[in-house]
Amino acid sequence: MMRKETYATTGPRMTIRFFGGWDFTDSDIRHPDIAQVGYRKGVPMGGDLIGGDTDGRDGPAFLISVLKDPIGANLDRVQVIKGWVDANGKTHERIYDVAVSDGRIIDNDGRCKTPVGNTVVEEKASYENSIGAVQLTARWEDPDFDPELKVFYYVRAIEIPTPRWPAYDIKYLGAKPDPKYQLITQERAYTSAIWYTP
């Protein structure tokens, strides 16, 4: 906790690894111990990336691995959220999809427009893990990196749709659902940020 190497979820116990550095390669995401590579070549979530040698790249690289909750829903996608303040003092945030399940495509703008699907049966308060992925990994570089700006990056992992808690209550009590209640949700996790300082 003191190192800020921590993350939060909306309930599920996903396992997330998130590292930033200057030397990660595509083969690193296939290493059997991604944390070992992450600590050796970079800094973990909550860490600071000090301006370094980009080795001809546009910016630092990020190594990301998300494993689903063993008794929970599969994963829909993994995103990197970037935040920065421009030269005029205005704050900005941008979302990048960096890994998606089920063979979907991430467009050139960094977003996957195709939904993962939905297996939820509201009246039964149930779903099936027939869509999504058990694990998603990525090595990602910021395509719009500006080495002169202070920037932060954090990871958001999103599950496939599942019944929200009122759906379970309605099923258990045999109650009639109130239209104002949303009965489907996508649980998620958020990491601490990795900070870049020029």
C-alpha atoms as a PDB file:
ATOM      1  CA  MET A   1       0.000   0.000   0.000  1.00  0.00           C
ATOM      2  CA  MET A   2       2.813   2.447   0.818  1.00  0.00           C
ATOM      3  CA  ARG A   3       4.266   1.844  -2.659  1.00  0.00           C
ATOM      4  CA  LYS A   4       0.793   2.441  -4.176  1.00  0.00           C
ATOM      5  CA  GLU A   5       1.175  -0.921  -5.917  1.00  0.00           C
ATOM      6  CA  THR A   6      -2.462  -1.786  -5.520  1.00  0.00           C
ATOM      7  CA  TYR A   7      -5.752  -1.910  -7.377  1.00  0.00           C
ATOM      8  CA  ALA A   8      -9.473  -1.932  -6.619  1.00  0.00           C
ATOM      9  CA  THR A   9     -12.414  -3.862  -8.041  1.00  0.00           C
ATOM     10  CA  THR A  10     -16.178  -3.497  -7.938  1.00  0.00           C
ATOM     11  CA  GLY A  11     -16.332  -6.944  -6.323  1.00  0.00           C
ATOM     12  CA  PRO A  12     -14.680  -9.686  -8.402  1.00  0.00           C
ATOM     13  CA  ARG A  13     -11.199 -10.920  -7.487  1.00  0.00           C
ATOM     14  CA  MET A  14      -9.401 -10.451 -10.777  1.00  0.00           C
ATOM     15  CA  THR A  15      -5.596 -10.569 -10.762  1.00  0.00           C
ATOM     16  CA  ILE A  16      -3.896  -7.654 -12.516  1.00  0.00           C
ATOM     17  CA  ARG A  17      -0.247  -7.012 -13.326  1.00  0.00           C
ATOM     18  CA  PHE A  18       0.700  -3.635 -14.810  1.00  0.00           C
ATOM     19  CA  PHE A  19       4.247  -2.440 -15.513  1.00  0.00           C
ATOM     20  CA  GLY A  20       5.775   0.450 -17.429  1.00  0.00           C
ATOM     21  CA  GLY A  21       9.287   0.707 -18.828  1.00  0.00           C
ATOM     22  CA  TRP A  22      11.510   1.458 -21.796  1.00  0.00           C
ATOM     23  CA  ASP A  23      12.647  -2.065 -22.684  1.00  0.00           C
ATOM     24  CA  PHE A  24       9.575  -4.320 -22.876  1.00  0.00           C
ATOM     25  CA  THR A  25       9.276  -6.424 -26.034  1.00  0.00           C
ATOM     26  CA  ASP A  26       6.361  -8.292 -27.590  1.00  0.00           C
ATOM     27  CA  SER A  27       7.787 -11.592 -26.368  1.00  0.00           C
ATOM     28  CA  ASP A  28       7.557 -10.431 -22.743  1.00  0.00           C
ATOM     29  CA  ILE A  29       3.794 -10.996 -22.631  1.00  0.00           C
ATOM     30  CA  ARG A  30       4.403 -14.708 -23.303  1.00  0.00           C
ATOM     31  CA  HIS A  31       6.827 -15.113 -20.379  1.00  0.00           C
ATOM     32  CA  PRO A  32       5.542 -17.678 -17.816  1.00  0.00           C
ATOM     33  CA  ASP A  33       6.150 -15.158 -14.996  1.00  0.00           C
ATOM     34  CA  ILE A  34       5.157 -11.759 -16.315  1.00  0.00           C
ATOM     35  CA  ALA A  35       5.794 -10.138 -12.929  1.00  0.00           C
ATOM     36  CA  GLN A  36       9.417 -11.237 -12.978  1.00  0.00           C
ATOM     37  CA  VAL A  37       9.924  -9.497 -16.328  1.00  0.00           C
ATOM     38  CA  GLY A  38       7.950  -6.455 -15.200  1.00  0.00           C
ATOM     39  CA  TYR A  39      10.001  -5.834 -12.057  1.00  0.00           C
ATOM     40  CA  ARG A  40      13.287  -6.481 -13.862  1.00  0.00           C
ATOM     41  CA  LYS A  41      12.650  -4.159 -16.812  1.00  0.00           C
ATOM     42  CA  GLY A  42      10.278  -1.536 -15.449  1.00  0.00           C
ATOM     43  CA  VAL A  43       8.185  -0.134 -12.622  1.00  0.00           C
ATOM     44  CA  PRO A  44       4.887  -1.527 -11.299  1.00  0.00           C
ATOM     45  CA  MET A  45       1.545   0.229 -10.898  1.00  0.00           C
ATOM     46  CA  GLY A  46       1.988   3.107  -8.476  1.00  0.00           C
ATOM     47  CA  GLY A  47       5.514   3.709  -9.785  1.00  0.00           C
ATOM     48  CA  ASP A  48       7.204   6.621 -11.513  1.00  0.00           C
ATOM     49  CA  LEU A  49       8.739   6.487 -14.990  1.00  0.00           C
ATOM     50  CA  ILE A  50      11.476   9.041 -15.237  1.00  0.00           C
ATOM     51  CA  GLY A  51      12.340  10.334 -18.716  1.00  0.00           C
ATOM     52  CA  GLY A  52      14.541   7.757 -20.361  1.00  0.00           C
ATOM     53  CA  ASP A  53      15.901   6.442 -23.616  1.00  0.00           C
ATOM     54  CA  THR A  54      12.951   5.620 -25.855  1.00  0.00           C
ATOM     55  CA  ASP A  55      15.251   3.535 -28.078  1.00  0.00           C
ATOM     56  CA  GLY A  56      13.647   4.880 -31.243  1.00  0.00           C
ATOM     57  CA  ARG A  57      10.115   4.284 -29.993  1.00  0.00           C
ATOM     58  CA  ASP A  58       7.473   6.942 -29.499  1.00  0.00           C
ATOM     59  CA  GLY A  59       7.383   6.421 -25.733  1.00  0.00           C
ATOM     60  CA  PRO A  60       7.460   3.959 -22.866  1.00  0.00           C
ATOM     61  CA  ALA A  61       5.934   0.517 -23.244  1.00  0.00           C
ATOM     62  CA  PHE A  62       3.456  -1.045 -20.834  1.00  0.00           C
ATOM     63  CA  LEU A  63       3.158  -4.708 -19.934  1.00  0.00           C
ATOM     64  CA  ILE A  64      -0.330  -5.774 -18.829  1.00  0.00           C
ATOM     65  CA  SER A  65      -1.819  -9.084 -17.710  1.00  0.00           C
ATOM     66  CA  VAL A  66      -5.329  -9.646 -16.335  1.00  0.00           C
ATOM     67  CA  LEU A  67      -6.622 -12.997 -15.074  1.00  0.00           C
ATOM     68  CA  LYS A  68     -10.335 -13.461 -14.395  1.00  0.00           C
ATOM     69  CA  ASP A  69     -11.760 -14.186 -10.959  1.00  0.00           C
ATOM     70  CA  PRO A  70     -11.570 -18.012 -10.688  1.00  0.00           C
ATOM     71  CA  ILE A  71     -15.253 -18.213  -9.728  1.00  0.00           C
ATOM     72  CA  GLY A  72     -16.412 -15.115 -11.621  1.00  0.00           C
ATOM     73  CA  ALA A  73     -17.181 -13.910 -15.104  1.00  0.00           C
ATOM     74  CA  ASN A  74     -14.848 -13.946 -18.088  1.00  0.00           C
ATOM     75  CA  LEU A  75     -13.133 -10.798 -19.312  1.00  0.00           C
ATOM     76  CA  ASP A  76     -14.511  -8.479 -22.004  1.00  0.00           C
ATOM     77  CA  ARG A  77     -11.573  -6.089 -22.480  1.00  0.00           C
ATOM     78  CA  VAL A  78      -8.611  -4.323 -20.921  1.00  0.00           C
ATOM     79  CA  GLN A  79      -8.149  -0.578 -21.288  1.00  0.00           C
ATOM     80  CA  VAL A  80      -5.413   1.933 -20.574  1.00  0.00           C
ATOM     81  CA  ILE A  81      -6.616   5.351 -19.459  1.00  0.00           C
ATOM     82  CA  LYS A  82      -4.161   8.178 -20.077  1.00  0.00           C
ATOM     83  CA  GLY A  83      -4.374  11.550 -18.355  1.00  0.00           C
ATOM     84  CA  TRP A  84      -2.356  14.713 -18.852  1.00  0.00           C
ATOM     85  CA  VAL A  85      -2.367  18.497 -18.545  1.00  0.00           C
ATOM     86  CA  ASP A  86      -1.609  20.458 -21.707  1.00  0.00           C
ATOM     87  CA  ALA A  87       0.526  23.607 -22.041  1.00  0.00           C
ATOM     88  CA  ASN A  88      -2.543  25.754 -21.311  1.00  0.00           C
ATOM     89  CA  GLY A  89      -3.278  23.967 -18.034  1.00  0.00           C
ATOM     90  CA  LYS A  90      -6.287  22.065 -19.403  1.00  0.00           C
ATOM     91  CA  THR A  91      -6.743  18.470 -18.224  1.00  0.00           C
ATOM     92  CA  HIS A  92      -7.349  15.625 -20.678  1.00  0.00           C
ATOM     93  CA  GLU A  93      -8.124  11.903 -20.499  1.00  0.00           C
ATOM     94  CA  ARG A  94      -8.198   9.318 -23.252  1.00  0.00           C
ATOM     95  CA  ILE A  95      -9.229   5.658 -23.232  1.00  0.00           C
ATOM     96  CA  TYR A  96      -7.410   3.014 -25.260  1.00  0.00           C
ATOM     97  CA  ASP A  97      -8.620  -0.571 -25.623  1.00  0.00           C
ATOM     98  CA  VAL A  98      -5.413  -2.621 -25.499  1.00  0.00           C
ATOM     99  CA  ALA A  99      -6.747  -6.209 -25.336  1.00  0.00           C
ATOM    100  CA  VAL A 100     -10.186  -7.568 -26.246  1.00  0.00           C
ATOM    101  CA  SER A 101     -11.694 -11.035 -26.182  1.00  0.00           C
ATOM    102  CA  ASP A 102     -13.303 -13.223 -28.826  1.00  0.00           C
ATOM    103  CA  GLY A 103     -11.187 -12.127 -31.786  1.00  0.00           C
ATOM    104  CA  ARG A 104     -12.669  -8.642 -31.967  1.00  0.00           C
ATOM    105  CA  ILE A 105     -10.666  -5.874 -33.615  1.00  0.00           C
ATOM    106  CA  ILE A 106      -9.247  -2.721 -32.054  1.00  0.00           C
ATOM    107  CA  ASP A 107      -9.593   0.110 -34.591  1.00  0.00           C
ATOM    108  CA  ASN A 108      -6.840   2.552 -35.543  1.00  0.00           C
ATOM    109  CA  ASP A 109      -8.288   5.040 -33.037  1.00  0.00           C
ATOM    110  CA  GLY A 110      -7.520   2.619 -30.217  1.00  0.00           C
ATOM    111  CA  ARG A 111     -11.093   1.519 -29.548  1.00  0.00           C
ATOM    112  CA  CYS A 112     -13.020  -1.707 -30.140  1.00  0.00           C
ATOM    113  CA  LYS A 113     -16.522  -0.797 -31.291  1.00  0.00           C
ATOM    114  CA  THR A 114     -17.891  -4.382 -31.221  1.00  0.00           C
ATOM    115  CA  PRO A 115     -19.611  -5.327 -27.944  1.00  0.00           C
ATOM    116  CA  VAL A 116     -18.613  -8.618 -26.341  1.00  0.00           C
ATOM    117  CA  GLY A 117     -22.221  -9.818 -26.275  1.00  0.00           C
ATOM    118  CA  ASN A 118     -24.577 -10.616 -23.421  1.00  0.00           C
ATOM    119  CA  THR A 119     -25.552 -14.033 -21.994  1.00  0.00           C
ATOM    120  CA  VAL A 120     -27.546 -12.688 -19.017  1.00  0.00           C
ATOM    121  CA  VAL A 121     -31.023 -14.116 -18.427  1.00  0.00           C
ATOM    122  CA  GLU A 122     -32.548 -11.475 -16.167  1.00  0.00           C
ATOM    123  CA  GLU A 123     -35.498 -13.491 -14.853  1.00  0.00           C
ATOM    124  CA  LYS A 124     -33.137 -16.276 -13.779  1.00  0.00           C
ATOM    125  CA  ALA A 125     -30.408 -13.914 -12.561  1.00  0.00           C
ATOM    126  CA  SER A 126     -27.910 -16.043 -14.466  1.00  0.00           C
ATOM    127  CA  TYR A 127     -25.259 -15.805 -17.173  1.00  0.00           C
ATOM    128  CA  GLU A 128     -22.884 -18.120 -19.029  1.00  0.00           C
ATOM    129  CA  ASN A 129     -19.139 -17.863 -19.456  1.00  0.00           C
ATOM    130  CA  SER A 130     -19.509 -18.806 -23.119  1.00  0.00           C
ATOM    131  CA  ILE A 131     -18.110 -15.439 -24.237  1.00  0.00           C
ATOM    132  CA  GLY A 132     -15.100 -13.428 -23.099  1.00  0.00           C
ATOM    133  CA  ALA A 133     -11.633 -14.595 -22.080  1.00  0.00           C
ATOM    134  CA  VAL A 134     -10.052 -16.188 -19.033  1.00  0.00           C
ATOM    135  CA  GLN A 135      -6.909 -14.051 -19.437  1.00  0.00           C
ATOM    136  CA  LEU A 136      -5.957 -11.007 -21.471  1.00  0.00           C
ATOM    137  CA  THR A 137      -2.401  -9.737 -21.941  1.00  0.00           C
ATOM    138  CA  ALA A 138      -0.906  -6.854 -23.865  1.00  0.00           C
ATOM    139  CA  ARG A 139       2.245  -4.913 -24.544  1.00  0.00           C
ATOM    140  CA  TRP A 140       1.157  -1.387 -25.419  1.00  0.00           C
ATOM    141  CA  GLU A 141       2.848   1.869 -26.418  1.00  0.00           C
ATOM    142  CA  ASP A 142       1.179   5.269 -26.299  1.00  0.00           C
ATOM    143  CA  PRO A 143       0.765   6.332 -29.964  1.00  0.00           C
ATOM    144  CA  ASP A 144       0.447   9.996 -28.945  1.00  0.00           C
ATOM    145  CA  PHE A 145       3.280  10.189 -26.440  1.00  0.00           C
ATOM    146  CA  ASP A 146       4.778  13.650 -25.869  1.00  0.00           C
ATOM    147  CA  PRO A 147       8.049  13.413 -23.913  1.00  0.00           C
ATOM    148  CA  GLU A 148       7.612  17.011 -22.710  1.00  0.00           C
ATOM    149  CA  LEU A 149       4.372  16.385 -20.808  1.00  0.00           C
ATOM    150  CA  LYS A 150       3.746  14.853 -17.396  1.00  0.00           C
ATOM    151  CA  VAL A 151       1.372  11.933 -17.941  1.00  0.00           C
ATOM    152  CA  PHE A 152      -0.325   9.210 -15.934  1.00  0.00           C
ATOM    153  CA  TYR A 153      -1.592   5.838 -17.141  1.00  0.00           C
ATOM    154  CA  TYR A 154      -3.808   3.325 -15.363  1.00  0.00           C
ATOM    155  CA  VAL A 155      -5.490   0.070 -16.379  1.00  0.00           C
ATOM    156  CA  ARG A 156      -9.178  -0.762 -16.303  1.00  0.00           C
ATOM    157  CA  ALA A 157     -10.259  -4.401 -16.747  1.00  0.00           C
ATOM    158  CA  ILE A 158     -13.904  -5.077 -17.634  1.00  0.00           C
ATOM    159  CA  GLU A 159     -15.852  -8.334 -17.305  1.00  0.00           C
ATOM    160  CA  ILE A 160     -18.595  -9.606 -19.608  1.00  0.00           C
ATOM    161  CA  PRO A 161     -22.149  -8.600 -18.619  1.00  0.00           C
ATOM    162  CA  THR A 162     -23.507 -10.258 -15.456  1.00  0.00           C
ATOM    163  CA  PRO A 163     -26.660  -9.842 -13.359  1.00  0.00           C
ATOM    164  CA  ARG A 164     -26.558  -6.852 -11.027  1.00  0.00           C
ATOM    165  CA  TRP A 165     -27.463  -7.448  -7.362  1.00  0.00           C
ATOM    166  CA  PRO A 166     -31.160  -6.376  -7.680  1.00  0.00           C
ATOM    167  CA  ALA A 167     -31.674  -9.184 -10.222  1.00  0.00           C
ATOM    168  CA  TYR A 168     -30.733 -11.761  -7.572  1.00  0.00           C
ATOM    169  CA  ASP A 169     -33.078 -10.151  -5.017  1.00  0.00           C
ATOM    170  CA  ILE A 170     -35.951 -10.055  -7.507  1.00  0.00           C
ATOM    171  CA  LYS A 171     -35.462 -13.734  -8.371  1.00  0.00           C
ATOM    172  CA  TYR A 172     -35.180 -14.781  -4.710  1.00  0.00           C
ATOM    173  CA  LEU A 173     -38.236 -12.779  -3.604  1.00  0.00           C
ATOM    174  CA  GLY A 174     -40.290 -13.489  -6.709  1.00  0.00           C
ATOM    175  CA  ALA A 175     -40.804  -9.749  -7.056  1.00  0.00           C
ATOM    176  CA  LYS A 176     -41.737  -7.758 -10.131  1.00  0.00           C
ATOM    177  CA  PRO A 177     -38.742  -5.794 -11.467  1.00  0.00           C
ATOM    178  CA  ASP A 178     -38.944  -2.019 -11.321  1.00  0.00           C
ATOM    179  CA  PRO A 179     -38.097  -0.583 -14.767  1.00  0.00           C
ATOM    180  CA  LYS A 180     -35.922   2.106 -13.182  1.00  0.00           C
ATOM    181  CA  TYR A 181     -33.446  -0.490 -11.878  1.00  0.00           C
ATOM    182  CA  GLN A 182     -30.618  -1.614 -14.130  1.00  0.00           C
ATOM    183  CA  LEU A 183     -30.406  -5.407 -13.790  1.00  0.00           C
ATOM    184  CA  ILE A 184     -27.241  -5.974 -15.834  1.00  0.00           C
ATOM    185  CA  THR A 185     -23.748  -4.679 -15.117  1.00  0.00           C
ATOM    186  CA  GLN A 186     -20.146  -5.155 -16.159  1.00  0.00           C
ATOM    187  CA  GLU A 187     -17.917  -5.485 -13.096  1.00  0.00           C
ATOM    188  CA  ARG A 188     -14.437  -4.019 -13.368  1.00  0.00           C
ATOM    189  CA  ALA A 189     -11.097  -3.330 -11.752  1.00  0.00           C
ATOM    190  CA  TYR A 190      -8.914  -0.209 -11.686  1.00  0.00           C
ATOM    191  CA  THR A 191      -5.185  -0.098 -11.022  1.00  0.00           C
ATOM    192  CA  SER A 192      -3.036   2.558  -9.426  1.00  0.00           C
ATOM    193  CA  ALA A 193      -1.425   4.794 -12.009  1.00  0.00           C
ATOM    194  CA  ILE A 194       2.045   4.741 -13.474  1.00  0.00           C
ATOM    195  CA  TRP A 195       3.349   8.303 -13.724  1.00  0.00           C
ATOM    196  CA  TYR A 196       5.680   9.656 -16.391  1.00  0.00           C
ATOM    197  CA  THR A 197       7.848  12.677 -15.587  1.00  0.00           C
ATOM    198  CA  PRO A 198      10.029  14.265 -18.309  1.00  0.00           C
END
